[in-house]
PDB file of N, CA and C in Angstrom:
ATOM      1  N   MET A   1       0.557  -1.003   0.242  1.00  0.00           N
ATOM      2  CA  MET A   1       0.082  -0.011  -0.013  1.00  0.00           C
ATOM      3  C   MET A   1       0.714   1.048   0.051  1.00  0.00           C
ATOM      4  N   LYS A   2       2.266   1.605   0.712  1.00  0.00           N
ATOM      5  CA  LYS A   2       2.997   2.449   0.484  1.00  0.00           C
ATOM      6  C   LYS A   2       3.414   2.350  -0.481  1.00  0.00           C
ATOM      7  N   ASN A   3       4.168   1.252  -1.318  1.00  0.00           N
ATOM      8  CA  ASN A   3       4.359   2.161  -2.638  1.00  0.00           C
ATOM      9  C   ASN A   3       3.237   2.536  -3.571  1.00  0.00           C
ATOM     10  N   THR A   4       1.740   1.973  -3.345  1.00  0.00           N
ATOM     11  CA  THR A   4       1.214   2.507  -4.060  1.00  0.00           C
ATOM     12  C   THR A   4       0.800   3.677  -4.206  1.00  0.00           C
ATOM     13  N   LEU A   5       0.922   4.102  -2.988  1.00  0.00           N
ATOM     14  CA  LEU A   5       0.468   5.653  -2.370  1.00  0.00           C
ATOM     15  C   LEU A   5       1.983   6.525  -3.100  1.00  0.00           C
ATOM     16  N   ARG A   6       3.248   5.749  -2.639  1.00  0.00           N
ATOM     17  CA  ARG A   6       4.234   6.379  -3.222  1.00  0.00           C
ATOM     18  C   ARG A   6       4.673   7.083  -4.933  1.00  0.00           C
ATOM     19  N   ASN A   7       4.185   5.775  -5.264  1.00  0.00           N
ATOM     20  CA  ASN A   7       4.220   5.647  -6.800  1.00  0.00           C
ATOM     21  C   ASN A   7       3.352   6.945  -7.554  1.00  0.00           C
ATOM     22  N   THR A   8       1.923   7.053  -6.472  1.00  0.00           N
ATOM     23  CA  THR A   8       0.874   7.631  -7.516  1.00  0.00           C
ATOM     24  C   THR A   8       1.012   9.104  -6.870  1.00  0.00           C
ATOM     25  N   LEU A   9       1.572   9.663  -5.724  1.00  0.00           N
ATOM     26  CA  LEU A   9       2.150  11.158  -5.715  1.00  0.00           C
ATOM     27  C   LEU A   9       3.670  11.539  -6.396  1.00  0.00           C
ATOM     28  N   ILE A  10       4.280  10.280  -6.883  1.00  0.00           N
ATOM     29  CA  ILE A  10       5.467  10.754  -7.844  1.00  0.00           C
ATOM     30  C   ILE A  10       5.060  10.843  -9.002  1.00  0.00           C
ATOM     31  N   ALA A  11       3.713   9.808  -9.935  1.00  0.00           N
ATOM     32  CA  ALA A  11       3.130  10.074 -11.283  1.00  0.00           C
ATOM     33  C   ALA A  11       2.425  12.024 -11.094  1.00  0.00           C
ATOM     34  N   LEU A  12       1.452  12.066  -9.638  1.00  0.00           N
ATOM     35  CA  LEU A  12       1.304  13.419  -9.785  1.00  0.00           C
ATOM     36  C   LEU A  12       1.539  14.296 -10.346  1.00  0.00           C
ATOM     37  N   ILE A  13       3.306  14.555  -9.026  1.00  0.00           N
ATOM     38  CA  ILE A  13       3.919  15.310  -9.096  1.00  0.00           C
ATOM     39  C   ILE A  13       4.558  15.507 -10.318  1.00  0.00           C
ATOM     40  N   THR A  14       5.022  14.389 -11.199  1.00  0.00           N
ATOM     41  CA  THR A  14       5.451  14.575 -11.986  1.00  0.00           C
ATOM     42  C   THR A  14       5.228  15.204 -13.193  1.00  0.00           C
ATOM     43  N   PHE A  15       3.467  15.151 -13.469  1.00  0.00           N
ATOM     44  CA  PHE A  15       2.636  15.155 -14.509  1.00  0.00           C
ATOM     45  C   PHE A  15       2.322  16.683 -14.510  1.00  0.00           C
ATOM     46  N   THR A  16       2.369  17.469 -13.172  1.00  0.00           N
ATOM     47  CA  THR A  16       1.499  18.479 -13.091  1.00  0.00           C
ATOM     48  C   THR A  16       2.884  19.544 -13.173  1.00  0.00           C
ATOM     49  N   SER A  17       4.223  19.196 -12.884  1.00  0.00           N
ATOM     50  CA  SER A  17       5.163  19.834 -13.221  1.00  0.00           C
ATOM     51  C   SER A  17       5.393  19.694 -14.780  1.00  0.00           C
ATOM     52  N   SER A  18       5.083  18.587 -15.929  1.00  0.00           N
ATOM     53  CA  SER A  18       5.243  18.712 -16.897  1.00  0.00           C
ATOM     54  C   SER A  18       4.414  19.706 -17.842  1.00  0.00           C
ATOM     55  N   ALA A  19       3.249  19.641 -16.808  1.00  0.00           N
ATOM     56  CA  ALA A  19       2.413  20.536 -17.356  1.00  0.00           C
ATOM     57  C   ALA A  19       2.425  21.929 -17.598  1.00  0.00           C
ATOM     58  N   TYR A  20       3.226  22.098 -15.904  1.00  0.00           N
ATOM     59  CA  TYR A  20       3.742  23.762 -16.142  1.00  0.00           C
ATOM     60  C   TYR A  20       4.734  23.798 -17.223  1.00  0.00           C
ATOM     61  N   ALA A  21       5.358  23.096 -17.345  1.00  0.00           N
ATOM     62  CA  ALA A  21       7.024  23.430 -17.836  1.00  0.00           C
ATOM     63  C   ALA A  21       6.442  23.773 -19.227  1.00  0.00           C
ATOM     64  N   ALA A  22       5.285  23.144 -19.730  1.00  0.00           N
ATOM     65  CA  ALA A  22       5.134  23.617 -21.749  1.00  0.00           C
ATOM     66  C   ALA A  22       3.886  24.382 -21.339  1.00  0.00           C
ATOM     67  N   ASP A  23       3.662  24.780 -20.243  1.00  0.00           N
ATOM     68  CA  ASP A  23       2.643  26.140 -19.865  1.00  0.00           C
ATOM     69  C   ASP A  23       2.663  26.926 -20.914  1.00  0.00           C
ATOM     70  N   SER A  24       1.756  28.024 -21.653  1.00  0.00           N
ATOM     71  CA  SER A  24       2.015  29.070 -22.573  1.00  0.00           C
ATOM     72  C   SER A  24       1.166  30.150 -21.417  1.00  0.00           C
ATOM     73  N   GLY A  25       0.928  30.191 -20.819  1.00  0.00           N
ATOM     74  CA  GLY A  25       0.185  31.387 -20.003  1.00  0.00           C
ATOM     75  C   GLY A  25      -0.906  31.426 -20.370  1.00  0.00           C
ATOM     76  N   ALA A  26      -1.447  31.364 -21.737  1.00  0.00           N
ATOM     77  CA  ALA A  26      -3.183  31.911 -21.663  1.00  0.00           C
ATOM     78  C   ALA A  26      -3.891  31.118 -21.354  1.00  0.00           C
ATOM     79  N   GLY A  27      -4.796  31.219 -20.284  1.00  0.00           N
ATOM     80  CA  GLY A  27      -6.006  30.653 -19.788  1.00  0.00           C
ATOM     81  C   GLY A  27      -5.569  29.626 -19.179  1.00  0.00           C
ATOM     82  N   SER A  28      -4.800  29.699 -18.688  1.00  0.00           N
ATOM     83  CA  SER A  28      -3.919  28.273 -17.669  1.00  0.00           C
ATOM     84  C   SER A  28      -4.968  28.200 -16.208  1.00  0.00           C
ATOM     85  N   GLY A  29      -4.760  27.385 -15.566  1.00  0.00           N
ATOM     86  CA  GLY A  29      -5.586  26.846 -14.401  1.00  0.00           C
ATOM     87  C   GLY A  29      -3.887  27.178 -13.527  1.00  0.00           C
ATOM     88  N   SER A  30      -4.557  27.648 -12.193  1.00  0.00           N
ATOM     89  CA  SER A  30      -3.818  27.505 -11.160  1.00  0.00           C
ATOM     90  C   SER A  30      -3.074  26.390 -10.630  1.00  0.00           C
ATOM     91  N   LEU A  31      -2.151  26.682  -9.698  1.00  0.00           N
ATOM     92  CA  LEU A  31      -1.599  25.645  -9.059  1.00  0.00           C
ATOM     93  C   LEU A  31      -2.586  24.903  -7.980  1.00  0.00           C
ATOM     94  N   LEU A  32      -3.146  25.553  -7.448  1.00  0.00           N
ATOM     95  CA  LEU A  32      -4.050  25.553  -6.573  1.00  0.00           C
ATOM     96  C   LEU A  32      -5.340  24.253  -7.193  1.00  0.00           C
ATOM     97  N   LEU A  33      -5.698  24.797  -8.630  1.00  0.00           N
ATOM     98  CA  LEU A  33      -6.862  23.984  -9.235  1.00  0.00           C
ATOM     99  C   LEU A  33      -6.243  23.043  -9.231  1.00  0.00           C
ATOM    100  N   SER A  34      -4.848  22.719  -9.849  1.00  0.00           N
ATOM    101  CA  SER A  34      -4.466  21.056  -9.886  1.00  0.00           C
ATOM    102  C   SER A  34      -4.459  20.490  -8.735  1.00  0.00           C
ATOM    103  N   LEU A  35      -4.475  20.902  -7.698  1.00  0.00           N
ATOM    104  CA  LEU A  35      -4.434  20.256  -6.397  1.00  0.00           C
ATOM    105  C   LEU A  35      -5.487  19.937  -6.199  1.00  0.00           C
ATOM    106  N   PHE A  36      -6.644  20.780  -6.566  1.00  0.00           N
ATOM    107  CA  PHE A  36      -7.830  20.237  -6.254  1.00  0.00           C
ATOM    108  C   PHE A  36      -8.133  18.878  -7.151  1.00  0.00           C
ATOM    109  N   ILE A  37      -8.158  19.160  -8.525  1.00  0.00           N
ATOM    110  CA  ILE A  37      -8.329  17.926  -9.182  1.00  0.00           C
ATOM    111  C   ILE A  37      -7.637  16.832  -8.709  1.00  0.00           C
ATOM    112  N   GLY A  38      -6.374  17.161  -8.515  1.00  0.00           N
ATOM    113  CA  GLY A  38      -5.808  15.563  -8.027  1.00  0.00           C
ATOM    114  C   GLY A  38      -5.863  15.052  -6.742  1.00  0.00           C
ATOM    115  N   PHE A  39      -6.510  16.261  -5.687  1.00  0.00           N
ATOM    116  CA  PHE A  39      -7.020  15.675  -4.544  1.00  0.00           C
ATOM    117  C   PHE A  39      -8.097  14.838  -4.654  1.00  0.00           C
ATOM    118  N   PHE A  40      -9.123  15.020  -5.218  1.00  0.00           N
ATOM    119  CA  PHE A  40     -10.479  14.090  -6.054  1.00  0.00           C
ATOM    120  C   PHE A  40     -10.076  13.264  -6.783  1.00  0.00           C
ATOM    121  N   ALA A  41      -9.102  13.198  -7.642  1.00  0.00           N
ATOM    122  CA  ALA A  41      -8.281  12.186  -8.426  1.00  0.00           C
ATOM    123  C   ALA A  41      -8.254  10.738  -7.497  1.00  0.00           C
ATOM    124  N   LEU A  42      -6.848  11.184  -6.031  1.00  0.00           N
ATOM    125  CA  LEU A  42      -6.762  10.820  -5.473  1.00  0.00           C
ATOM    126  C   LEU A  42      -7.872   9.949  -4.703  1.00  0.00           C
ATOM    127  N   ILE A  43      -8.731  10.427  -4.194  1.00  0.00           N
ATOM    128  CA  ILE A  43     -10.061   9.823  -3.661  1.00  0.00           C
ATOM    129  C   ILE A  43     -10.231   8.640  -4.843  1.00  0.00           C
ATOM    130  N   VAL A  44     -10.950   9.372  -5.820  1.00  0.00           N
ATOM    131  CA  VAL A  44     -11.322   8.167  -6.543  1.00  0.00           C
ATOM    132  C   VAL A  44     -10.534   6.874  -7.001  1.00  0.00           C
ATOM    133  N   VAL A  45      -9.210   6.874  -6.800  1.00  0.00           N
ATOM    134  CA  VAL A  45      -8.879   5.698  -6.946  1.00  0.00           C
ATOM    135  C   VAL A  45      -8.198   4.933  -5.495  1.00  0.00           C
ATOM    136  N   PHE A  46      -8.340   5.534  -4.479  1.00  0.00           N
ATOM    137  CA  PHE A  46      -8.578   4.647  -3.189  1.00  0.00           C
ATOM    138  C   PHE A  46      -9.562   4.095  -3.036  1.00  0.00           C
ATOM    139  N   GLN A  47     -10.824   4.715  -3.801  1.00  0.00           N
ATOM    140  CA  GLN A  47     -11.982   4.129  -3.571  1.00  0.00           C
ATOM    141  C   GLN A  47     -12.303   2.845  -4.781  1.00  0.00           C
ATOM    142  N   LEU A  48     -11.899   3.319  -5.818  1.00  0.00           N
ATOM    143  CA  LEU A  48     -11.762   1.990  -6.587  1.00  0.00           C
ATOM    144  C   LEU A  48     -10.938   0.503  -6.471  1.00  0.00           C
ATOM    145  N   VAL A  49      -9.629   0.623  -5.076  1.00  0.00           N
ATOM    146  CA  VAL A  49      -9.125  -0.247  -4.610  1.00  0.00           C
ATOM    147  C   VAL A  49      -9.562  -1.302  -4.468  1.00  0.00           C
ATOM    148  N   PRO A  50     -11.045  -0.450  -3.262  1.00  0.00           N
ATOM    149  CA  PRO A  50     -11.459  -1.789  -2.289  1.00  0.00           C
ATOM    150  C   PRO A  50     -12.713  -2.498  -3.077  1.00  0.00           C
ATOM    151  N   ALA A  51     -13.030  -1.621  -4.389  1.00  0.00           N
ATOM    152  CA  ALA A  51     -14.064  -2.036  -5.235  1.00  0.00           C
ATOM    153  C   ALA A  51     -13.624  -3.598  -6.293  1.00  0.00           C
ATOM    154  N   VAL A  52     -12.585  -3.187  -6.451  1.00  0.00           N
ATOM    155  CA  VAL A  52     -11.501  -4.050  -7.433  1.00  0.00           C
ATOM    156  C   VAL A  52     -11.621  -5.293  -6.291  1.00  0.00           C
ATOM    157  N   ILE A  53     -10.914  -4.732  -4.899  1.00  0.00           N
ATOM    158  CA  ILE A  53     -10.839  -6.356  -4.230  1.00  0.00           C
ATOM    159  C   ILE A  53     -11.794  -6.960  -4.165  1.00  0.00           C
ATOM    160  N   LEU A  54     -12.984  -6.450  -3.817  1.00  0.00           N
ATOM    161  CA  LEU A  54     -14.374  -7.385  -3.362  1.00  0.00           C
ATOM    162  C   LEU A  54     -14.462  -7.666  -4.558  1.00  0.00           C
ATOM    163  N   PHE A  55     -14.784  -6.977  -5.530  1.00  0.00           N
ATOM    164  CA  PHE A  55     -15.001  -7.583  -7.342  1.00  0.00           C
ATOM    165  C   PHE A  55     -14.188  -8.785  -7.289  1.00  0.00           C
ATOM    166  N   VAL A  56     -12.685  -8.705  -7.310  1.00  0.00           N
ATOM    167  CA  VAL A  56     -12.278 -10.045  -7.753  1.00  0.00           C
ATOM    168  C   VAL A  56     -12.518 -11.234  -6.267  1.00  0.00           C
ATOM    169  N   GLY A  57     -13.065 -10.731  -5.333  1.00  0.00           N
ATOM    170  CA  GLY A  57     -13.492 -11.891  -4.367  1.00  0.00           C
ATOM    171  C   GLY A  57     -14.911 -12.942  -4.631  1.00  0.00           C
ATOM    172  N   MET A  58     -15.593 -11.697  -5.333  1.00  0.00           N
ATOM    173  CA  MET A  58     -16.495 -12.281  -5.534  1.00  0.00           C
ATOM    174  C   MET A  58     -16.777 -13.106  -6.901  1.00  0.00           C
ATOM    175  N   ALA A  59     -15.725 -12.905  -7.658  1.00  0.00           N
ATOM    176  CA  ALA A  59     -15.924 -13.416  -8.558  1.00  0.00           C
ATOM    177  C   ALA A  59     -14.839 -15.115  -8.505  1.00  0.00           C
ATOM    178  N   LYS A  60     -14.083 -15.067  -7.559  1.00  0.00           N
ATOM    179  CA  LYS A  60     -13.635 -16.138  -6.805  1.00  0.00           C
ATOM    180  C   LYS A  60     -14.706 -17.110  -6.159  1.00  0.00           C
ATOM    181  N   GLY A  61     -15.027 -16.437  -5.634  1.00  0.00           N
ATOM    182  CA  GLY A  61     -16.575 -17.040  -5.104  1.00  0.00           C
ATOM    183  C   GLY A  61     -17.587 -17.692  -5.887  1.00  0.00           C
ATOM    184  N   LEU A  62     -17.627 -17.138  -7.235  1.00  0.00           N
ATOM    185  CA  LEU A  62     -18.874 -17.609  -8.274  1.00  0.00           C
ATOM    186  C   LEU A  62     -17.605 -18.603  -9.034  1.00  0.00           C
ATOM    187  N   VAL A  63     -16.662 -18.591  -9.128  1.00  0.00           N
ATOM    188  CA  VAL A  63     -16.276 -20.195 -10.278  1.00  0.00           C
ATOM    189  C   VAL A  63     -15.472 -20.792  -9.214  1.00  0.00           C
ATOM    190  N   SER A  64     -15.419 -20.765  -8.020  1.00  0.00           N
ATOM    191  CA  SER A  64     -14.680 -21.396  -7.135  1.00  0.00           C
ATOM    192  C   SER A  64     -15.717 -22.899  -7.275  1.00  0.00           C
ATOM    193  N   LYS A  65     -14.944 -24.257  -7.322  1.00  0.00           N
ATOM    194  CA  LYS A  65     -15.748 -25.517  -7.123  1.00  0.00           C
ATOM    195  C   LYS A  65     -16.100 -26.294  -6.031  1.00  0.00           C
ATOM    196  N   ASP A  66     -15.878 -25.248  -4.722  1.00  0.00           N
ATOM    197  CA  ASP A  66     -16.073 -26.105  -3.590  1.00  0.00           C
ATOM    198  C   ASP A  66     -16.438 -25.130  -2.982  1.00  0.00           C
ATOM    199  N   SER A  67     -18.009 -25.786  -3.018  1.00  0.00           N
ATOM    200  CA  SER A  67     -19.464 -24.965  -2.371  1.00  0.00           C
ATOM    201  C   SER A  67     -19.837 -25.603  -1.238  1.00  0.00           C
ATOM    202  N   LYS A  68     -19.821 -25.126   0.217  1.00  0.00           N
ATOM    203  CA  LYS A  68     -21.090 -25.965   0.934  1.00  0.00           C
ATOM    204  C   LYS A  68     -21.994 -25.242   0.952  1.00  0.00           C
ATOM    205  N   VAL A  69     -22.947 -26.434   0.787  1.00  0.00           N
ATOM    206  CA  VAL A  69     -24.530 -26.363   1.455  1.00  0.00           C
ATOM    207  C   VAL A  69     -25.014 -26.625   2.480  1.00  0.00           C
ATOM    208  N   GLU A  70     -25.389 -25.688   3.029  1.00  0.00           N
ATOM    209  CA  GLU A  70     -26.357 -25.819   4.439  1.00  0.00           C
ATOM    210  C   GLU A  70     -27.788 -26.540   4.075  1.00  0.00           C
ATOM    211  N   THR A  71     -27.528 -27.928   4.718  1.00  0.00           N
ATOM    212  CA  THR A  71     -29.150 -27.951   4.900  1.00  0.00           C
ATOM    213  C   THR A  71     -30.026 -28.454   6.061  1.00  0.00           C
ATOM    214  N   SER A  72     -30.564 -28.050   5.952  1.00  0.00           N
ATOM    215  CA  SER A  72     -31.613 -27.901   7.642  1.00  0.00           C
ATOM    216  C   SER A  72     -32.264 -29.269   7.800  1.00  0.00           C
ATOM    217  N   ASN A  73     -32.109 -29.861   8.989  1.00  0.00           N
ATOM    218  CA  ASN A  73     -32.634 -30.901   9.606  1.00  0.00           C
ATOM    219  C   ASN A  73     -33.706 -30.447  10.210  1.00  0.00           C
TER     220      ASN A  73
END
């Protein structure tokens, strides 16, 4: 989890800095706007991680051959 967070932050900083390096200055957003959008992008990414884990677990449960069926006596 630490590596994922570190890589995400490195990518965010790299892409933001390269966008400002190629900035012409006309009609561009501010640094605060980029941080605002990046913050919400991180929220979306961190919400997708548990969703993918849940989906994989559900798919494994559907595909598994070893199913236990309870019978009531």
